[in-house]
């Protein structure tokens, strides 16, 4: 391989990675806690889009439980978003074991 071929391949891979990141960022993922009592939606950029809370879980005497359910649902949503991004990028790198810190 000559240097021009290597550079072309690197540019192609960079473009594919950018496309994969855009696709993953556009995904909307859902997670819940408390058997669906609190449900959140996040995107692949790990941004919280919405929170839905069932009426039955709202108890003014037990705010701590509601807060814990929200935290658990948001954390699960963020994990799903991170996994989705990693999965998309692994599709580009072909499982070469390339670690791309700061990309997720």
Protein backbone atom coordinates (compact mmCIF):
# COMPACT_ATOMS: atom_id res chain seq x y z
CA UNK A 1 0.00 0.00 0.00
CA UNK A 2 1.21 3.46 -0.74
CA UNK A 3 0.63 6.52 1.37
CA UNK A 4 -2.17 7.86 -0.86
CA UNK A 5 -4.14 4.64 -0.51
CA UNK A 6 -3.72 4.70 3.25
CA UNK A 7 -4.90 8.33 3.41
CA UNK A 8 -7.95 7.55 1.24
CA UNK A 9 -8.87 4.63 3.46
CA UNK A 10 -8.46 6.76 6.58
CA UNK A 11 -10.69 9.47 5.09
CA UNK A 12 -13.34 6.89 4.18
CA UNK A 13 -13.28 5.46 7.69
CA UNK A 14 -13.53 8.94 9.21
CA UNK A 15 -16.56 9.71 7.04
CA UNK A 16 -18.21 6.42 7.99
CA UNK A 17 -17.56 7.11 11.66
CA UNK A 18 -19.12 10.56 11.38
CA UNK A 19 -22.17 9.05 9.69
CA UNK A 20 -22.44 6.35 12.37
CA UNK A 21 -22.23 8.99 15.11
CA UNK A 22 -24.99 11.01 13.45
CA UNK A 23 -27.21 7.92 13.14
CA UNK A 24 -26.66 6.97 16.77
CA UNK A 25 -27.26 10.54 17.94
CA UNK A 26 -30.61 10.57 16.13
CA UNK A 27 -31.83 7.42 17.88
CA UNK A 28 -34.45 7.78 20.60
CA UNK A 29 -34.12 5.19 23.35
CA UNK A 30 -36.59 4.44 26.13
CA UNK A 31 -35.90 3.16 29.63
CA UNK A 32 -38.08 2.70 32.67
CA UNK A 33 -37.93 1.97 36.38
CA UNK A 34 -40.38 0.68 38.95
CA UNK A 35 -42.07 -1.66 36.51
CA UNK A 36 -42.79 1.17 34.10
CA UNK A 37 -43.92 3.67 36.72
CA UNK A 38 -41.26 6.13 35.47
CA UNK A 39 -40.29 6.11 31.81
CA UNK A 40 -37.71 8.31 30.12
CA UNK A 41 -36.66 8.92 26.54
CA UNK A 42 -33.09 9.90 25.67
CA UNK A 43 -31.32 10.38 22.38
CA UNK A 44 -27.97 9.03 21.26
CA UNK A 45 -26.33 12.27 22.34
CA UNK A 46 -27.29 11.27 25.89
CA UNK A 47 -29.77 14.12 26.17
CA UNK A 48 -32.92 13.59 28.23
CA UNK A 49 -35.92 14.18 25.96
CA UNK A 50 -38.88 13.35 28.19
CA UNK A 51 -40.02 11.84 31.48
CA UNK A 52 -43.38 10.15 32.00
CA UNK A 53 -44.57 9.41 35.53
CA UNK A 54 -47.60 7.26 36.35
CA UNK A 55 -50.07 8.89 38.75
CA UNK A 56 -49.92 5.92 41.13
CA UNK A 57 -46.27 6.58 41.97
CA UNK A 58 -46.84 10.21 42.98
CA UNK A 59 -47.14 10.19 46.75
CA UNK A 60 -46.39 13.44 48.57
CA UNK A 61 -45.40 11.42 51.64
CA UNK A 62 -42.77 9.42 49.71
CA UNK A 63 -40.95 11.82 47.40
CA UNK A 64 -37.71 9.89 47.94
CA UNK A 65 -39.06 6.85 46.10
CA UNK A 66 -40.13 8.96 43.12
CA UNK A 67 -36.74 10.64 42.98
CA UNK A 68 -34.99 7.26 43.11
CA UNK A 69 -37.16 5.94 40.26
CA UNK A 70 -36.39 8.97 38.11
CA UNK A 71 -32.65 8.64 38.73
CA UNK A 72 -32.75 4.90 37.94
CA UNK A 73 -34.71 5.43 34.71
CA UNK A 74 -32.45 8.26 33.52
CA UNK A 75 -29.30 6.28 34.30
CA UNK A 76 -30.64 3.28 32.38
CA UNK A 77 -31.53 5.51 29.44
CA UNK A 78 -28.03 6.97 29.37
CA UNK A 79 -26.50 3.48 29.43
CA UNK A 80 -28.66 2.51 26.47
CA UNK A 81 -27.60 5.64 24.58
CA UNK A 82 -23.92 4.94 25.24
CA UNK A 83 -24.30 1.31 24.14
CA UNK A 84 -26.08 2.38 20.96
CA UNK A 85 -23.21 4.73 20.09
CA UNK A 86 -20.58 2.08 20.78
CA UNK A 87 -22.48 -0.45 18.69
CA UNK A 88 -22.69 1.92 15.72
CA UNK A 89 -18.99 2.76 15.89
CA UNK A 90 -18.00 -0.90 16.23
CA UNK A 91 -19.86 -1.50 13.00
CA UNK A 92 -17.53 1.00 11.32
CA UNK A 93 -14.29 -0.23 12.87
CA UNK A 94 -15.26 -3.84 12.18
CA UNK A 95 -14.32 -4.99 15.66
CA UNK A 96 -10.68 -4.04 15.11
CA UNK A 97 -10.37 -3.34 18.79
CA UNK A 98 -9.84 0.34 18.13
CA UNK A 99 -10.54 2.29 21.30
CA UNK A 100 -11.72 5.80 20.56
CA UNK A 101 -11.71 7.67 23.87
CA UNK A 102 -13.91 10.71 24.04
CA UNK A 103 -16.07 9.50 21.17
CA UNK A 104 -18.87 8.31 23.46
